[in-house]
C-alpha atoms as a PDB file:
ATOM      1  CA  MET A   1      -0.145  -0.109  -0.198  1.00  0.00           C
ATOM      2  CA  GLU A   2       1.342   3.418  -1.044  1.00  0.00           C
ATOM      3  CA  LEU A   3       1.643   6.042   1.824  1.00  0.00           C
ATOM      4  CA  SER A   4      -0.314   9.255   0.655  1.00  0.00           C
ATOM      5  CA  GLN A   5       1.563  12.933   0.732  1.00  0.00           C
ATOM      6  CA  ASP A   6      -0.532  13.450   3.955  1.00  0.00           C
ATOM      7  CA  ILE A   7      -0.435  10.823   6.017  1.00  0.00           C
ATOM      8  CA  LEU A   8       3.668  10.834   5.059  1.00  0.00           C
ATOM      9  CA  SER A   9       3.665  14.565   6.198  1.00  0.00           C
ATOM     10  CA  ARG A  10       1.408  13.647   9.746  1.00  0.00           C
ATOM     11  CA  ILE A  11       3.940  10.791  10.350  1.00  0.00           C
ATOM     12  CA  GLU A  12       6.918  13.268   9.697  1.00  0.00           C
ATOM     13  CA  LYS A  13       5.281  15.632  12.547  1.00  0.00           C
ATOM     14  CA  LEU A  14       4.865  13.062  14.952  1.00  0.00           C
ATOM     15  CA  SER A  15       8.675  11.963  14.363  1.00  0.00           C
ATOM     16  CA  GLU A  16       9.731  15.847  15.169  1.00  0.00           C
ATOM     17  CA  LYS A  17       7.258  15.924  17.943  1.00  0.00           C
ATOM     18  CA  TYR A  18       8.426  12.716  19.671  1.00  0.00           C
ATOM     19  CA  SER A  19      12.328  13.683  18.758  1.00  0.00           C
ATOM     20  CA  ALA A  20      12.142  16.908  20.538  1.00  0.00           C
ATOM     21  CA  SER A  21      11.215  15.549  23.679  1.00  0.00           C
ATOM     22  CA  GLY A  22      13.483  11.941  23.557  1.00  0.00           C
ATOM     23  CA  GLN A  23      11.489   9.478  22.400  1.00  0.00           C
ATOM     24  CA  ASP A  24      11.413   6.781  20.082  1.00  0.00           C
ATOM     25  CA  LEU A  25       8.482   6.920  17.401  1.00  0.00           C
ATOM     26  CA  SER A  26       8.401   3.624  16.429  1.00  0.00           C
ATOM     27  CA  ALA A  27       7.627   2.242  20.112  1.00  0.00           C
ATOM     28  CA  TYR A  28       4.936   4.316  20.013  1.00  0.00           C
ATOM     29  CA  LEU A  29       3.375   3.598  16.925  1.00  0.00           C
ATOM     30  CA  ASP A  30       4.679  -0.580  18.046  1.00  0.00           C
ATOM     31  CA  GLY A  31       2.436   1.292  21.406  1.00  0.00           C
ATOM     32  CA  LEU A  32      -0.102   2.134  18.500  1.00  0.00           C
ATOM     33  CA  LEU A  33      -0.172  -1.468  16.631  1.00  0.00           C
ATOM     34  CA  TYR A  34      -1.178  -3.322  19.566  1.00  0.00           C
ATOM     35  CA  ALA A  35      -3.150  -1.135  21.466  1.00  0.00           C
ATOM     36  CA  ASP A  36      -7.395  -2.380  21.259  1.00  0.00           C
ATOM     37  CA  TYR A  37      -9.683   0.301  20.076  1.00  0.00           C
ATOM     38  CA  LEU A  38     -11.073   2.764  22.986  1.00  0.00           C
ATOM     39  CA  THR A  39     -15.067   1.639  23.779  1.00  0.00           C
ATOM     40  CA  TYR A  40     -17.440   4.221  25.031  1.00  0.00           C
ATOM     41  CA  TRP A  41     -17.953   2.545  28.391  1.00  0.00           C
ATOM     42  CA  ASP A  42     -14.057   1.790  29.122  1.00  0.00           C
ATOM     43  CA  TYR A  43     -13.882   5.522  28.242  1.00  0.00           C
ATOM     44  CA  ILE A  44     -15.955   6.671  31.085  1.00  0.00           C
ATOM     45  CA  HIS A  45     -15.077   4.041  32.838  1.00  0.00           C
ATOM     46  CA  LEU A  46     -19.034   3.172  32.696  1.00  0.00           C
ATOM     47  CA  ASP A  47     -19.029  -0.569  35.026  1.00  0.00           C
ATOM     48  CA  THR A  48     -17.239   1.415  37.770  1.00  0.00           C
ATOM     49  CA  LEU A  49     -19.503   4.088  37.495  1.00  0.00           C
ATOM     50  CA  LEU A  50     -22.225   1.918  37.931  1.00  0.00           C
ATOM     51  CA  SER A  51     -20.897  -0.080  40.236  1.00  0.00           C
ATOM     52  CA  LEU A  52     -20.626   2.639  43.360  1.00  0.00           C
ATOM     53  CA  GLN A  53     -23.924   2.869  44.598  1.00  0.00           C
ATOM     54  CA  THR A  54     -23.746   0.577  47.677  1.00  0.00           C
ATOM     55  CA  PRO A  55     -27.145   1.263  49.849  1.00  0.00           C
ATOM     56  CA  ARG A  56     -27.284   1.294  53.650  1.00  0.00           C
ATOM     57  CA  THR A  57     -30.574  -0.792  53.822  1.00  0.00           C
ATOM     58  CA  ALA A  58     -32.960  -3.005  51.115  1.00  0.00           C
ATOM     59  CA  ILE A  59     -35.629   0.144  50.818  1.00  0.00           C
ATOM     60  CA  PRO A  60     -36.403   0.754  47.016  1.00  0.00           C
ATOM     61  CA  ASP A  61     -35.793   5.024  46.485  1.00  0.00           C
ATOM     62  CA  GLU A  62     -32.883   4.703  48.398  1.00  0.00           C
ATOM     63  CA  PRO A  63     -30.847   4.257  45.258  1.00  0.00           C
ATOM     64  CA  ILE A  64     -32.329   7.019  43.533  1.00  0.00           C
ATOM     65  CA  PHE A  65     -31.197   9.812  46.695  1.00  0.00           C
ATOM     66  CA  ILE A  66     -27.806   8.280  46.255  1.00  0.00           C
ATOM     67  CA  MET A  67     -27.301   8.517  42.142  1.00  0.00           C
ATOM     68  CA  TYR A  68     -28.958  12.161  42.893  1.00  0.00           C
ATOM     69  CA  HIS A  69     -25.842  13.124  45.310  1.00  0.00           C
ATOM     70  CA  GLN A  70     -23.492  11.198  43.222  1.00  0.00           C
ATOM     71  CA  ILE A  71     -25.123  13.517  40.326  1.00  0.00           C
ATOM     72  CA  THR A  72     -24.720  16.447  42.258  1.00  0.00           C
ATOM     73  CA  GLU A  73     -20.926  16.267  43.218  1.00  0.00           C
ATOM     74  CA  LEU A  74     -20.202  15.438  39.352  1.00  0.00           C
ATOM     75  CA  TYR A  75     -21.533  18.732  38.722  1.00  0.00           C
ATOM     76  CA  PHE A  76     -19.775  20.641  41.608  1.00  0.00           C
ATOM     77  CA  LYS A  77     -16.629  19.012  40.180  1.00  0.00           C
ATOM     78  CA  LEU A  78     -17.434  20.827  36.855  1.00  0.00           C
ATOM     79  CA  ALA A  79     -18.095  23.617  38.366  1.00  0.00           C
ATOM     80  CA  LEU A  80     -14.617  23.782  40.511  1.00  0.00           C
ATOM     81  CA  HIS A  81     -12.696  22.879  36.833  1.00  0.00           C
ATOM     82  CA  GLU A  82     -13.855  26.291  35.415  1.00  0.00           C
ATOM     83  CA  LEU A  83     -12.637  27.932  38.620  1.00  0.00           C
ATOM     84  CA  GLY A  84      -9.640  26.053  38.648  1.00  0.00           C
ATOM     85  CA  GLN A  85      -8.356  27.457  35.263  1.00  0.00           C
ATOM     86  CA  LEU A  86      -9.029  30.872  35.687  1.00  0.00           C
ATOM     87  CA  ARG A  87      -6.979  30.386  39.129  1.00  0.00           C
ATOM     88  CA  THR A  88      -3.601  29.309  36.604  1.00  0.00           C
ATOM     89  CA  GLN A  89      -4.219  32.609  34.581  1.00  0.00           C
ATOM     90  CA  ILE A  90      -2.046  34.940  34.783  1.00  0.00           C
ATOM     91  CA  SER A  91      -4.225  38.086  33.089  1.00  0.00           C
ATOM     92  CA  VAL A  92      -8.707  37.171  32.183  1.00  0.00           C
ATOM     93  CA  SER A  93     -10.045  39.010  29.650  1.00  0.00           C
ATOM     94  CA  LYS A  94     -13.680  40.119  30.316  1.00  0.00           C
ATOM     95  CA  ASP A  95     -15.357  37.504  27.587  1.00  0.00           C
ATOM     96  CA  HIS A  96     -12.708  34.714  28.955  1.00  0.00           C
ATOM     97  CA  LEU A  97     -14.707  35.517  32.290  1.00  0.00           C
ATOM     98  CA  LEU A  98     -17.863  35.729  31.492  1.00  0.00           C
ATOM     99  CA  GLU A  99     -17.954  32.506  29.316  1.00  0.00           C
ATOM    100  CA  ARG A 100     -16.334  30.656  32.694  1.00  0.00           C
ATOM    101  CA  VAL A 101     -18.740  32.723  35.001  1.00  0.00           C
ATOM    102  CA  THR A 102     -21.578  31.175  32.479  1.00  0.00           C
ATOM    103  CA  ARG A 103     -20.635  27.964  32.888  1.00  0.00           C
ATOM    104  CA  VAL A 104     -21.107  27.564  36.126  1.00  0.00           C
ATOM    105  CA  ASN A 105     -24.108  29.282  35.578  1.00  0.00           C
ATOM    106  CA  ARG A 106     -25.378  26.455  33.625  1.00  0.00           C
ATOM    107  CA  TYR A 107     -24.466  23.866  35.495  1.00  0.00           C
ATOM    108  CA  PHE A 108     -25.697  25.326  38.321  1.00  0.00           C
ATOM    109  CA  GLU A 109     -29.557  25.475  36.751  1.00  0.00           C
ATOM    110  CA  ALA A 110     -28.714  22.314  35.373  1.00  0.00           C
ATOM    111  CA  LEU A 111     -28.716  21.070  39.008  1.00  0.00           C
ATOM    112  CA  THR A 112     -31.191  23.671  40.350  1.00  0.00           C
ATOM    113  CA  THR A 113     -33.908  22.617  37.421  1.00  0.00           C
ATOM    114  CA  SER A 114     -33.271  18.617  38.025  1.00  0.00           C
ATOM    115  CA  PHE A 115     -34.084  18.462  41.781  1.00  0.00           C
ATOM    116  CA  GLY A 116     -37.161  17.400  41.136  1.00  0.00           C
ATOM    117  CA  VAL A 117     -35.978  13.950  40.994  1.00  0.00           C
ATOM    118  CA  MET A 118     -35.412  14.327  45.196  1.00  0.00           C
ATOM    119  CA  GLU A 119     -38.415  16.669  45.739  1.00  0.00           C
ATOM    120  CA  ASN A 120     -41.178  14.764  43.751  1.00  0.00           C
ATOM    121  CA  GLY A 121     -39.033  11.375  42.446  1.00  0.00           C
ATOM    122  CA  MET A 122     -39.291   9.775  46.160  1.00  0.00           C
ATOM    123  CA  ASP A 123     -41.751   7.989  48.489  1.00  0.00           C
ATOM    124  CA  ARG A 124     -41.772   9.989  51.933  1.00  0.00           C
ATOM    125  CA  GLU A 125     -42.849   7.182  53.320  1.00  0.00           C
ATOM    126  CA  GLN A 126     -39.520   5.110  52.697  1.00  0.00           C
ATOM    127  CA  PHE A 127     -37.149   8.516  52.632  1.00  0.00           C
ATOM    128  CA  LEU A 128     -37.728   8.772  56.539  1.00  0.00           C
ATOM    129  CA  GLN A 129     -37.079   5.035  57.146  1.00  0.00           C
ATOM    130  CA  PHE A 130     -33.678   4.814  55.009  1.00  0.00           C
ATOM    131  CA  ARG A 131     -32.567   8.617  56.628  1.00  0.00           C
ATOM    132  CA  LEU A 132     -32.244   7.151  59.890  1.00  0.00           C
ATOM    133  CA  ALA A 133     -29.976   4.343  58.778  1.00  0.00           C
ATOM    134  CA  LEU A 134     -27.529   7.394  56.812  1.00  0.00           C
ATOM    135  CA  MET A 135     -26.729   9.409  60.349  1.00  0.00           C
ATOM    136  CA  PRO A 136     -25.027  11.337  60.787  1.00  0.00           C
ATOM    137  CA  ALA A 137     -23.424  11.696  57.200  1.00  0.00           C
ATOM    138  CA  SER A 138     -25.762  14.875  55.674  1.00  0.00           C
ATOM    139  CA  GLY A 139     -25.396  16.761  52.127  1.00  0.00           C
ATOM    140  CA  PHE A 140     -23.487  19.192  54.473  1.00  0.00           C
ATOM    141  CA  GLN A 141     -20.509  17.310  54.375  1.00  0.00           C
ATOM    142  CA  SER A 142     -19.673  18.316  50.755  1.00  0.00           C
ATOM    143  CA  ALA A 143     -16.235  19.911  50.410  1.00  0.00           C
ATOM    144  CA  GLN A 144     -16.592  20.719  46.733  1.00  0.00           C
ATOM    145  CA  TYR A 145     -19.446  23.131  47.481  1.00  0.00           C
ATOM    146  CA  ARG A 146     -17.753  24.570  50.235  1.00  0.00           C
ATOM    147  CA  MET A 147     -14.350  25.404  47.696  1.00  0.00           C
ATOM    148  CA  ILE A 148     -17.317  26.525  45.113  1.00  0.00           C
ATOM    149  CA  GLU A 149     -18.032  29.292  47.857  1.00  0.00           C
ATOM    150  CA  ILE A 150     -14.400  29.765  48.585  1.00  0.00           C
ATOM    151  CA  GLY A 151     -13.704  29.944  45.006  1.00  0.00           C
ATOM    152  CA  ALA A 152     -16.292  32.579  43.870  1.00  0.00           C
ATOM    153  CA  THR A 153     -16.002  35.254  46.338  1.00  0.00           C
ATOM    154  CA  PRO A 154     -13.018  36.346  48.939  1.00  0.00           C
ATOM    155  CA  MET A 155     -13.723  34.905  52.504  1.00  0.00           C
ATOM    156  CA  ALA A 156     -14.710  38.086  54.366  1.00  0.00           C
ATOM    157  CA  ASN A 157     -18.044  37.372  52.115  1.00  0.00           C
ATOM    158  CA  LEU A 158     -19.055  34.264  53.618  1.00  0.00           C
ATOM    159  CA  VAL A 159     -18.441  34.449  57.365  1.00  0.00           C
ATOM    160  CA  HIS A 160     -21.619  34.925  59.417  1.00  0.00           C
ATOM    161  CA  LYS A 161     -23.337  37.840  58.716  1.00  0.00           C
ATOM    162  CA  ASN A 162     -23.415  38.305  62.629  1.00  0.00           C
ATOM    163  CA  HIS A 163     -19.630  39.004  62.591  1.00  0.00           C
ATOM    164  CA  ARG A 164     -19.372  40.554  58.944  1.00  0.00           C
ATOM    165  CA  ASP A 165     -19.239  44.565  60.459  1.00  0.00           C
ATOM    166  CA  ALA A 166     -16.617  43.230  63.336  1.00  0.00           C
ATOM    167  CA  LEU A 167     -14.395  41.473  61.240  1.00  0.00           C
ATOM    168  CA  GLN A 168     -10.798  43.757  60.054  1.00  0.00           C
ATOM    169  CA  PRO A 169     -10.451  44.925  56.648  1.00  0.00           C
ATOM    170  CA  ASP A 170      -7.175  42.585  56.855  1.00  0.00           C
ATOM    171  CA  ALA A 171      -8.547  39.451  58.573  1.00  0.00           C
ATOM    172  CA  SER A 172      -6.857  36.502  58.140  1.00  0.00           C
ATOM    173  CA  ILE A 173      -7.862  33.610  56.363  1.00  0.00           C
ATOM    174  CA  GLU A 174      -7.576  31.230  59.588  1.00  0.00           C
ATOM    175  CA  THR A 175      -9.695  33.877  61.181  1.00  0.00           C
ATOM    176  CA  CYS A 176     -12.114  34.328  58.162  1.00  0.00           C
ATOM    177  CA  PHE A 177     -12.773  30.350  57.934  1.00  0.00           C
ATOM    178  CA  GLU A 178     -13.419  30.361  61.905  1.00  0.00           C
ATOM    179  CA  ASN A 179     -16.645  32.475  61.487  1.00  0.00           C
ATOM    180  CA  ILE A 180     -17.456  31.063  58.989  1.00  0.00           C
ATOM    181  CA  TYR A 181     -21.251  31.036  58.438  1.00  0.00           C
ATOM    182  CA  TRP A 182     -22.078  27.328  57.617  1.00  0.00           C
ATOM    183  CA  LYS A 183     -20.689  26.524  60.728  1.00  0.00           C
ATOM    184  CA  THR A 184     -24.250  27.749  62.745  1.00  0.00           C
ATOM    185  CA  GLY A 185     -26.255  25.179  60.288  1.00  0.00           C
ATOM    186  CA  ALA A 186     -24.162  22.381  61.626  1.00  0.00           C
ATOM    187  CA  THR A 187     -24.928  23.268  65.726  1.00  0.00           C
ATOM    188  CA  LEU A 188     -27.534  22.418  68.288  1.00  0.00           C
ATOM    189  CA  ALA A 189     -30.199  24.963  67.853  1.00  0.00           C
ATOM    190  CA  ASP A 190     -30.481  24.171  71.529  1.00  0.00           C
ATOM    191  CA  THR A 191     -26.832  24.105  73.136  1.00  0.00           C
ATOM    192  CA  GLY A 192     -24.744  25.648  69.871  1.00  0.00           C
ATOM    193  CA  GLU A 193     -22.826  23.022  70.479  1.00  0.00           C
ATOM    194  CA  LYS A 194     -21.025  21.001  66.792  1.00  0.00           C
ATOM    195  CA  THR A 195     -22.795  18.210  65.710  1.00  0.00           C
ATOM    196  CA  LEU A 196     -20.691  15.094  65.030  1.00  0.00           C
ATOM    197  CA  THR A 197     -22.117  16.038  61.110  1.00  0.00           C
ATOM    198  CA  LEU A 198     -19.946  19.122  61.657  1.00  0.00           C
ATOM    199  CA  LYS A 199     -16.869  17.469  63.896  1.00  0.00           C
ATOM    200  CA  GLN A 200     -16.417  14.704  61.423  1.00  0.00           C
ATOM    201  CA  PHE A 201     -16.369  17.178  57.951  1.00  0.00           C
ATOM    202  CA  GLU A 202     -13.404  19.868  59.930  1.00  0.00           C
ATOM    203  CA  LYS A 203     -11.203  16.703  60.801  1.00  0.00           C
ATOM    204  CA  LYS A 204     -11.260  15.690  56.765  1.00  0.00           C
ATOM    205  CA  TYR A 205     -11.336  18.703  55.432  1.00  0.00           C
ATOM    206  CA  ALA A 206     -10.894  21.712  57.359  1.00  0.00           C
ATOM    207  CA  THR A 207      -6.911  21.978  56.266  1.00  0.00           C
ATOM    208  CA  GLN A 208      -7.852  21.582  53.153  1.00  0.00           C
ATOM    209  CA  LEU A 209     -10.433  24.405  52.736  1.00  0.00           C
ATOM    210  CA  ILE A 210      -8.556  26.365  54.206  1.00  0.00           C
ATOM    211  CA  GLN A 211      -5.364  25.453  51.837  1.00  0.00           C
ATOM    212  CA  PHE A 212      -7.590  25.747  49.008  1.00  0.00           C
ATOM    213  CA  ALA A 213      -8.582  29.375  50.193  1.00  0.00           C
ATOM    214  CA  LYS A 214      -5.145  30.513  49.956  1.00  0.00           C
ATOM    215  CA  ASP A 215      -4.962  29.271  46.626  1.00  0.00           C
ATOM    216  CA  PHE A 216      -7.385  31.419  45.338  1.00  0.00           C
ATOM    217  CA  HIS A 217      -6.609  34.592  47.379  1.00  0.00           C
ATOM    218  CA  SER A 218      -6.470  36.878  44.952  1.00  0.00           C
ATOM    219  CA  VAL A 219      -8.131  35.109  42.320  1.00  0.00           C
ATOM    220  CA  THR A 220     -10.968  34.312  43.297  1.00  0.00           C
ATOM    221  CA  LEU A 221     -14.067  35.381  40.641  1.00  0.00           C
ATOM    222  CA  TRP A 222     -14.427  38.887  42.256  1.00  0.00           C
ATOM    223  CA  ASP A 223     -11.056  38.927  42.175  1.00  0.00           C
ATOM    224  CA  TRP A 224     -10.580  38.770  38.441  1.00  0.00           C
ATOM    225  CA  TYR A 225     -13.944  40.665  37.767  1.00  0.00           C
ATOM    226  CA  THR A 226     -12.511  43.674  39.939  1.00  0.00           C
ATOM    227  CA  LYS A 227      -8.749  43.548  37.856  1.00  0.00           C
ATOM    228  CA  LEU A 228     -11.033  44.458  34.746  1.00  0.00           C
ATOM    229  CA  PRO A 229     -10.758  47.656  33.191  1.00  0.00           C
ATOM    230  CA  GLU A 230     -13.838  49.933  34.392  1.00  0.00           C
ATOM    231  CA  ALA A 231     -15.446  50.176  30.772  1.00  0.00           C
ATOM    232  CA  ASP A 232     -15.403  46.177  31.064  1.00  0.00           C
ATOM    233  CA  GLN A 233     -16.787  45.541  34.355  1.00  0.00           C
ATOM    234  CA  ALA A 234     -19.744  47.889  33.013  1.00  0.00           C
ATOM    235  CA  ASP A 235     -20.800  45.261  30.928  1.00  0.00           C
ATOM    236  CA  GLN A 236     -24.443  44.455  31.664  1.00  0.00           C
ATOM    237  CA  ALA A 237     -24.051  40.948  30.368  1.00  0.00           C
ATOM    238  CA  LEU A 238     -20.874  40.584  33.091  1.00  0.00           C
ATOM    239  CA  VAL A 239     -22.602  41.980  35.288  1.00  0.00           C
ATOM    240  CA  ASN A 240     -25.759  40.074  34.757  1.00  0.00           C
ATOM    241  CA  ALA A 241     -23.763  36.724  35.036  1.00  0.00           C
ATOM    242  CA  PHE A 242     -22.449  37.541  38.450  1.00  0.00           C
ATOM    243  CA  LYS A 243     -25.563  38.347  40.113  1.00  0.00           C
ATOM    244  CA  LEU A 244     -27.312  35.293  38.368  1.00  0.00           C
ATOM    245  CA  LEU A 245     -24.486  33.480  39.879  1.00  0.00           C
ATOM    246  CA  ASP A 246     -25.323  34.862  42.679  1.00  0.00           C
ATOM    247  CA  LEU A 247     -28.688  33.778  42.737  1.00  0.00           C
ATOM    248  CA  ASN A 248     -28.186  30.489  41.468  1.00  0.00           C
ATOM    249  CA  VAL A 249     -25.096  28.965  44.052  1.00  0.00           C
ATOM    250  CA  ASN A 250     -26.974  31.665  47.552  1.00  0.00           C
ATOM    251  CA  VAL A 251     -30.025  31.033  46.430  1.00  0.00           C
ATOM    252  CA  TYR A 252     -32.027  29.214  44.277  1.00  0.00           C
ATOM    253  CA  TRP A 253     -29.933  26.245  44.904  1.00  0.00           C
ATOM    254  CA  PRO A 254     -30.016  26.323  48.937  1.00  0.00           C
ATOM    255  CA  LEU A 255     -33.787  27.217  48.575  1.00  0.00           C
ATOM    256  CA  GLN A 256     -34.727  24.107  46.450  1.00  0.00           C
ATOM    257  CA  HIS A 257     -32.481  22.253  49.573  1.00  0.00           C
ATOM    258  CA  TYR A 258     -35.612  24.167  51.738  1.00  0.00           C
ATOM    259  CA  LYS A 259     -38.057  23.241  49.540  1.00  0.00           C
ATOM    260  CA  THR A 260     -37.373  19.430  49.945  1.00  0.00           C
ATOM    261  CA  ALA A 261     -36.409  19.857  53.725  1.00  0.00           C
ATOM    262  CA  VAL A 262     -40.069  21.240  54.047  1.00  0.00           C
ATOM    263  CA  ARG A 263     -41.276  18.441  51.699  1.00  0.00           C
ATOM    264  CA  TYR A 264     -40.100  15.508  53.741  1.00  0.00           C
ATOM    265  CA  LEU A 265     -39.207  16.946  57.430  1.00  0.00           C
ATOM    266  CA  ALA A 266     -41.499  19.219  58.011  1.00  0.00           C
ATOM    267  CA  LYS A 267     -44.211  17.478  59.921  1.00  0.00           C
ATOM    268  CA  ARG A 268     -46.186  19.501  62.042  1.00  0.00           C
ATOM    269  CA  PRO A 269     -46.270  20.310  65.175  1.00  0.00           C
ATOM    270  CA  SER A 270     -42.804  19.569  65.193  1.00  0.00           C
ATOM    271  CA  ASP A 271     -40.677  19.308  62.499  1.00  0.00           C
ATOM    272  CA  ILE A 272     -38.252  16.109  62.108  1.00  0.00           C
ATOM    273  CA  ALA A 273     -34.348  16.926  62.368  1.00  0.00           C
ATOM    274  CA  ALA A 274     -32.391  16.338  59.633  1.00  0.00           C
ATOM    275  CA  THR A 275     -29.672  13.393  59.447  1.00  0.00           C
ATOM    276  CA  GLY A 276     -26.427  15.599  60.390  1.00  0.00           C
ATOM    277  CA  GLY A 277     -28.663  17.176  63.342  1.00  0.00           C
ATOM    278  CA  THR A 278     -27.953  19.847  61.093  1.00  0.00           C
ATOM    279  CA  ASN A 279     -30.274  23.293  62.371  1.00  0.00           C
ATOM    280  CA  TRP A 280     -32.036  23.415  58.400  1.00  0.00           C
ATOM    281  CA  GLN A 281     -34.821  25.781  59.192  1.00  0.00           C
ATOM    282  CA  GLN A 282     -31.984  28.483  59.729  1.00  0.00           C
ATOM    283  CA  TYR A 283     -29.424  27.300  57.595  1.00  0.00           C
ATOM    284  CA  LEU A 284     -31.299  26.457  54.645  1.00  0.00           C
ATOM    285  CA  PRO A 285     -33.187  29.875  53.734  1.00  0.00           C
ATOM    286  CA  PRO A 286     -31.114  32.237  51.929  1.00  0.00           C
ATOM    287  CA  ARG A 287     -32.571  35.463  54.136  1.00  0.00           C
ATOM    288  CA  PHE A 288     -31.513  34.460  56.902  1.00  0.00           C
ATOM    289  CA  GLN A 289     -28.059  33.507  56.169  1.00  0.00           C
ATOM    290  CA  LYS A 290     -28.202  37.428  54.107  1.00  0.00           C
ATOM    291  CA  ARG A 291     -24.656  35.314  52.005  1.00  0.00           C
ATOM    292  CA  ILE A 292     -24.011  37.323  48.900  1.00  0.00           C
ATOM    293  CA  PHE A 293     -20.956  36.902  46.512  1.00  0.00           C
ATOM    294  CA  TYR A 294     -21.138  40.385  45.068  1.00  0.00           C
ATOM    295  CA  PRO A 295     -22.453  43.019  47.659  1.00  0.00           C
ATOM    296  CA  SER A 296     -21.758  45.804  45.648  1.00  0.00           C
ATOM    297  CA  LEU A 297     -23.873  44.578  42.151  1.00  0.00           C
ATOM    298  CA  TRP A 298     -26.999  44.566  44.544  1.00  0.00           C
ATOM    299  CA  SER A 299     -29.593  47.861  45.585  1.00  0.00           C
ATOM    300  CA  GLU A 300     -29.413  48.360  50.064  1.00  0.00           C
ATOM    301  CA  THR A 301     -33.255  47.314  49.071  1.00  0.00           C
ATOM    302  CA  GLU A 302     -31.881  44.120  47.507  1.00  0.00           C
ATOM    303  CA  LYS A 303     -29.904  43.643  50.227  1.00  0.00           C
ATOM    304  CA  SER A 304     -32.160  43.882  53.103  1.00  0.00           C
ATOM    305  CA  GLU A 305     -34.774  42.104  51.241  1.00  0.00           C
ATOM    306  CA  TRP A 306     -32.180  38.922  50.076  1.00  0.00           C
ATOM    307  CA  GLY A 307     -34.516  35.649  49.006  1.00  0.00           C
ATOM    308  CA  LYS A 308     -37.076  36.348  51.516  1.00  0.00           C
ATOM    309  CA  ALA A 309     -39.477  36.355  48.190  1.00  0.00           C
ATOM    310  CA  TRP A 310     -38.181  33.511  47.090  1.00  0.00           C
ATOM    311  CA  VAL A 311     -38.669  31.560  50.469  1.00  0.00           C
ATOM    312  CA  ASP A 312     -42.528  33.519  50.840  1.00  0.00           C
ATOM    313  CA  SER A 313     -43.022  31.440  47.697  1.00  0.00           C
ATOM    314  CA  VAL A 314     -41.944  28.014  48.911  1.00  0.00           C
ATOM    315  CA  LEU A 315     -43.930  28.186  51.711  1.00  0.00           C
ATOM    316  CA  ALA A 316     -46.842  29.136  50.432  1.00  0.00           C
ATOM    317  CA  SER A 317     -46.969  26.816  47.491  1.00  0.00           C
ATOM    318  CA  ILE A 318     -46.159  23.505  49.969  1.00  0.00           C
ATOM    319  CA  GLN A 319     -48.440  21.862  52.666  1.00  0.00           C
ATOM    320  CA  PRO A 320     -46.269  19.895  54.597  1.00  0.00           C
ATOM    321  CA  SER A 321     -47.286  16.716  55.962  1.00  0.00           C
ATOM    322  CA  LYS A 322     -49.359  16.894  59.581  1.00  0.00           C
END
């Protein structure tokens, strides 16, 4: 068989590539000759992926709960992939930043709109049974979600609202982390003591999260925004993308959790405790946390009413089981 000039040209380019790194092209060609064709299932490790669901009970709807949380963590990983690409840049253009923020918004929109799998896709009585076998595990323990928050905004914006005003402008990352908002969501409401859920989480991830915050110091999404020329910062598409991200992460996503918690855990005359003992009634509603990534993009009225209208609409639309 006579090789075309196009094939010979490609072989020559490959030879130059491998020679430049001291490699033998013929060895790589032998490897290509002996290698099997790649299949879809091998490429995405499908068999391994489908083997990762290990329910703790025989209750039929528990696998739904597991798979949806695994899907969630994969979307979180996609978001972190975008943040990680930005972190290594020397400079970032307006268009590049807009594309990355838009991608993260797309991931969260997919998560939020798919939450019906959790909200409406499980039998309530089955959930209330299998959840007892999960204690003290909780979605609160998602380190990837905490990393997304850290990569999106300076640490000072993640400090609990009761401590933000007293925090020094140059407060260390360690100080901010000690006063981070989510710790109060995993404390016992009556005593203020840390739940086992929080103790487990801090033991495994505290050091890693602090280092992650240091790695993203001055290169969060907001830092890249403020480094742009003023004309680029005023670009309405970019401003809207940042505001949408603020809503997606800090309002829409936690609100979907809140809706589901109300559906499954709200039971008059008293609420059922979450598996990790988290104070979900105070932790999940956005209006209580007032967590805002980009406060300077919002009006004082919008900040004072943060999340209130959304929560009120949810409460009006949901009738918890009696």
